[in-house]
């Protein structure tokens, strides 16, 4: 089970990394804060001060096609904001 899936590179995440030394990652939905902290420390060789997690709900979408209306949703994801010492 891979804990860290990918880093999040947005304007807000870049601003936090420059000002607060905090980095954002998309993580496995079943991972907890202790596992995330250990994974970041092993992967990047840094000391983690604080971990905050966010569960992002799926977006619901409606498409109008030739065959009719189709309803769907995106996958739910979990984000982690990791603040370094």
N, C-alpha and C. Protein backbone atom coordinates (compact mmCIF):
# COMPACT_ATOMS: atom_id res chain seq x y z
N UNK A 1 0.85 -1.18 0.00
CA UNK A 1 0.00 0.00 0.00
C UNK A 1 0.89 1.24 0.00
N UNK A 2 0.79 2.02 -1.05
CA UNK A 2 1.56 3.24 -1.15
C UNK A 2 0.81 4.36 -0.42
N UNK A 3 1.49 5.02 0.49
CA UNK A 3 0.86 6.08 1.29
C UNK A 3 0.78 7.38 0.48
N UNK A 4 1.92 7.85 -0.01
CA UNK A 4 1.96 9.11 -0.76
C UNK A 4 1.70 8.82 -2.23
N UNK A 5 0.64 9.40 -2.78
CA UNK A 5 0.32 9.16 -4.18
C UNK A 5 1.01 10.18 -5.09
N UNK A 6 0.81 11.48 -4.80
CA UNK A 6 1.47 12.51 -5.61
C UNK A 6 1.44 13.84 -4.87
N UNK A 7 2.41 14.70 -5.14
CA UNK A 7 2.35 16.04 -4.53
C UNK A 7 1.30 16.90 -5.22
N UNK A 8 0.74 17.83 -4.47
CA UNK A 8 -0.25 18.76 -5.01
C UNK A 8 0.46 20.07 -5.32
N UNK A 9 0.42 20.47 -6.58
CA UNK A 9 1.11 21.68 -7.01
C UNK A 9 0.05 22.66 -7.51
N UNK A 10 -0.40 23.51 -6.61
CA UNK A 10 -1.34 24.56 -6.96
C UNK A 10 -0.77 25.89 -6.46
N UNK A 11 -1.45 26.96 -6.77
CA UNK A 11 -0.98 28.27 -6.32
C UNK A 11 -1.00 28.36 -4.79
N UNK A 12 -2.05 27.85 -4.18
CA UNK A 12 -2.17 27.89 -2.72
C UNK A 12 -1.11 27.01 -2.06
N UNK A 13 -0.89 25.81 -2.60
CA UNK A 13 0.10 24.90 -2.02
C UNK A 13 1.52 25.45 -2.17
N UNK A 14 1.81 26.09 -3.29
CA UNK A 14 3.13 26.68 -3.50
C UNK A 14 3.35 27.84 -2.54
N UNK A 15 2.32 28.65 -2.32
CA UNK A 15 2.42 29.76 -1.39
C UNK A 15 2.68 29.26 0.03
N UNK A 16 1.99 28.17 0.44
CA UNK A 16 2.22 27.60 1.77
C UNK A 16 3.62 27.05 1.91
N UNK A 17 4.15 26.45 0.84
CA UNK A 17 5.49 25.89 0.93
C UNK A 17 6.54 26.98 1.06
N UNK A 18 6.32 28.13 0.42
CA UNK A 18 7.28 29.22 0.51
C UNK A 18 7.20 29.95 1.85
N UNK A 19 5.99 30.19 2.35
CA UNK A 19 5.84 31.00 3.55
C UNK A 19 5.86 30.18 4.84
N UNK A 20 5.19 29.03 4.86
CA UNK A 20 5.01 28.27 6.09
C UNK A 20 5.82 26.98 6.15
N UNK A 21 6.57 26.66 5.10
CA UNK A 21 7.34 25.42 5.03
C UNK A 21 6.41 24.21 5.15
N UNK A 22 5.24 24.29 4.51
CA UNK A 22 4.24 23.22 4.54
C UNK A 22 3.98 22.75 3.11
N UNK A 23 3.95 21.44 2.93
CA UNK A 23 3.80 20.85 1.60
C UNK A 23 2.55 19.99 1.56
N UNK A 24 1.89 19.96 0.39
CA UNK A 24 0.63 19.23 0.25
C UNK A 24 0.83 17.99 -0.61
N UNK A 25 0.19 16.90 -0.21
CA UNK A 25 0.26 15.64 -0.94
C UNK A 25 -1.13 15.04 -1.05
N UNK A 26 -1.34 14.31 -2.13
CA UNK A 26 -2.52 13.46 -2.21
C UNK A 26 -2.10 12.11 -1.67
N UNK A 27 -2.85 11.60 -0.69
CA UNK A 27 -2.45 10.37 -0.01
C UNK A 27 -3.54 9.32 -0.14
N UNK A 28 -3.22 8.12 0.27
CA UNK A 28 -4.17 7.02 0.27
C UNK A 28 -5.31 7.35 1.23
N UNK A 29 -6.54 6.99 0.85
CA UNK A 29 -7.70 7.35 1.66
C UNK A 29 -7.73 6.61 3.00
N UNK A 30 -7.03 5.49 3.12
CA UNK A 30 -7.03 4.73 4.36
C UNK A 30 -5.84 5.07 5.27
N UNK A 31 -4.96 5.96 4.84
CA UNK A 31 -3.77 6.30 5.61
C UNK A 31 -4.12 7.26 6.75
N UNK A 32 -3.46 7.09 7.90
CA UNK A 32 -3.67 8.01 9.02
C UNK A 32 -2.47 8.94 9.15
N UNK A 33 -2.52 9.86 10.12
CA UNK A 33 -1.50 10.89 10.24
C UNK A 33 -0.14 10.32 10.60
N UNK A 34 -0.11 9.28 11.42
CA UNK A 34 1.16 8.67 11.82
C UNK A 34 1.84 8.01 10.62
N UNK A 35 1.06 7.31 9.80
CA UNK A 35 1.61 6.66 8.61
C UNK A 35 2.10 7.69 7.60
N UNK A 36 1.36 8.78 7.44
CA UNK A 36 1.77 9.84 6.51
C UNK A 36 3.07 10.47 6.98
N UNK A 37 3.18 10.75 8.27
CA UNK A 37 4.40 11.35 8.81
C UNK A 37 5.60 10.45 8.57
N UNK A 38 5.44 9.15 8.82
CA UNK A 38 6.54 8.22 8.64
C UNK A 38 6.93 8.10 7.17
N UNK A 39 5.95 8.10 6.27
CA UNK A 39 6.22 7.98 4.84
C UNK A 39 6.98 9.20 4.31
N UNK A 40 6.59 10.40 4.75
CA UNK A 40 7.28 11.62 4.30
C UNK A 40 8.71 11.65 4.83
N UNK A 41 8.90 11.29 6.09
CA UNK A 41 10.24 11.29 6.66
C UNK A 41 11.15 10.28 5.98
N UNK A 42 10.62 9.10 5.64
CA UNK A 42 11.44 8.09 4.96
C UNK A 42 11.74 8.48 3.51
N UNK A 43 10.75 9.04 2.82
CA UNK A 43 10.91 9.34 1.41
C UNK A 43 11.84 10.53 1.18
N UNK A 44 11.65 11.60 1.95
CA UNK A 44 12.38 12.84 1.69
C UNK A 44 13.50 13.12 2.69
N UNK A 45 13.61 12.36 3.76
CA UNK A 45 14.69 12.56 4.73
C UNK A 45 14.59 13.87 5.48
N UNK A 46 13.39 14.25 5.89
CA UNK A 46 13.16 15.49 6.63
C UNK A 46 12.45 15.14 7.94
N UNK A 47 12.39 16.12 8.86
CA UNK A 47 11.64 15.91 10.09
C UNK A 47 10.32 16.66 10.01
N UNK A 48 9.23 15.95 10.25
CA UNK A 48 7.89 16.50 10.13
C UNK A 48 7.42 17.00 11.48
N UNK A 49 6.87 18.22 11.50
CA UNK A 49 6.38 18.82 12.74
C UNK A 49 4.89 18.56 12.93
N UNK A 50 4.10 18.70 11.86
CA UNK A 50 2.64 18.60 11.98
C UNK A 50 2.06 18.05 10.69
N UNK A 51 1.00 17.26 10.81
CA UNK A 51 0.29 16.72 9.65
C UNK A 51 -1.19 17.06 9.80
N UNK A 52 -1.77 17.66 8.76
CA UNK A 52 -3.21 17.92 8.73
C UNK A 52 -3.79 17.19 7.53
N UNK A 53 -4.94 16.55 7.72
CA UNK A 53 -5.54 15.79 6.63
C UNK A 53 -6.91 16.36 6.28
N UNK A 54 -7.28 16.18 5.00
CA UNK A 54 -8.55 16.67 4.48
C UNK A 54 -9.15 15.57 3.61
N UNK A 55 -10.39 15.18 3.89
CA UNK A 55 -11.12 14.28 3.01
C UNK A 55 -11.94 15.11 2.04
N UNK A 56 -11.69 14.93 0.75
CA UNK A 56 -12.37 15.69 -0.29
C UNK A 56 -13.47 14.82 -0.88
N UNK A 57 -14.71 15.30 -0.82
CA UNK A 57 -15.83 14.52 -1.30
C UNK A 57 -15.82 14.49 -2.83
N UNK A 58 -16.46 13.48 -3.43
CA UNK A 58 -16.50 13.40 -4.90
C UNK A 58 -17.42 14.45 -5.49
N UNK A 59 -17.05 14.94 -6.68
CA UNK A 59 -17.90 15.88 -7.42
C UNK A 59 -18.93 15.10 -8.21
N UNK A 60 -20.16 15.55 -8.20
CA UNK A 60 -21.21 14.91 -8.99
C UNK A 60 -21.33 15.65 -10.32
N UNK A 61 -21.42 14.87 -11.39
CA UNK A 61 -21.47 15.45 -12.72
C UNK A 61 -22.67 14.91 -13.48
N UNK A 62 -23.24 15.72 -14.36
CA UNK A 62 -24.33 15.30 -15.22
C UNK A 62 -23.94 15.64 -16.65
N UNK A 63 -24.07 14.63 -17.55
CA UNK A 63 -23.76 14.83 -18.95
C UNK A 63 -25.00 14.59 -19.78
N UNK A 64 -25.18 15.42 -20.78
CA UNK A 64 -26.31 15.27 -21.70
C UNK A 64 -25.77 14.68 -22.99
N UNK A 65 -26.15 13.43 -23.29
CA UNK A 65 -25.64 12.74 -24.46
C UNK A 65 -26.80 12.37 -25.38
N UNK A 66 -26.46 11.74 -26.51
CA UNK A 66 -27.49 11.29 -27.45
C UNK A 66 -28.41 10.26 -26.82
N UNK A 67 -27.85 9.42 -25.95
CA UNK A 67 -28.64 8.36 -25.34
C UNK A 67 -29.43 8.83 -24.12
N UNK A 68 -29.22 10.05 -23.68
CA UNK A 68 -29.96 10.58 -22.55
C UNK A 68 -29.05 11.19 -21.51
N UNK A 69 -29.57 11.45 -20.35
CA UNK A 69 -28.81 12.07 -19.27
C UNK A 69 -28.03 10.98 -18.54
N UNK A 70 -26.74 11.24 -18.33
CA UNK A 70 -25.91 10.30 -17.60
C UNK A 70 -25.38 10.98 -16.35
N UNK A 71 -25.55 10.32 -15.22
CA UNK A 71 -25.06 10.85 -13.95
C UNK A 71 -23.80 10.09 -13.55
N UNK A 72 -22.87 10.80 -12.94
CA UNK A 72 -21.65 10.15 -12.49
C UNK A 72 -21.00 10.99 -11.41
N UNK A 73 -19.91 10.48 -10.88
CA UNK A 73 -19.16 11.24 -9.88
C UNK A 73 -17.69 10.89 -9.96
N UNK A 74 -16.86 11.80 -9.50
CA UNK A 74 -15.42 11.58 -9.47
C UNK A 74 -15.07 10.79 -8.21
N UNK A 75 -13.82 10.38 -8.10
CA UNK A 75 -13.39 9.62 -6.94
C UNK A 75 -13.13 10.55 -5.76
N UNK A 76 -13.40 10.05 -4.56
CA UNK A 76 -13.07 10.79 -3.34
C UNK A 76 -11.57 10.66 -3.11
N UNK A 77 -10.93 11.74 -2.67
CA UNK A 77 -9.49 11.73 -2.41
C UNK A 77 -9.23 12.25 -1.00
N UNK A 78 -8.03 12.00 -0.53
CA UNK A 78 -7.58 12.51 0.76
C UNK A 78 -6.31 13.30 0.55
N UNK A 79 -6.27 14.51 1.11
CA UNK A 79 -5.10 15.36 1.02
C UNK A 79 -4.44 15.45 2.38
N UNK A 80 -3.14 15.65 2.37
CA UNK A 80 -2.39 15.85 3.60
C UNK A 80 -1.50 17.08 3.44
N UNK A 81 -1.54 17.96 4.43
CA UNK A 81 -0.65 19.12 4.46
C UNK A 81 0.38 18.85 5.55
N UNK A 82 1.63 18.74 5.15
CA UNK A 82 2.71 18.34 6.03
C UNK A 82 3.58 19.55 6.30
N UNK A 83 3.71 19.93 7.58
CA UNK A 83 4.55 21.07 7.95
C UNK A 83 5.87 20.53 8.49
N UNK A 84 6.94 21.04 7.93
CA UNK A 84 8.28 20.58 8.30
C UNK A 84 8.85 21.43 9.42
N UNK A 85 9.78 20.84 10.16
CA UNK A 85 10.40 21.55 11.27
C UNK A 85 11.39 22.58 10.77
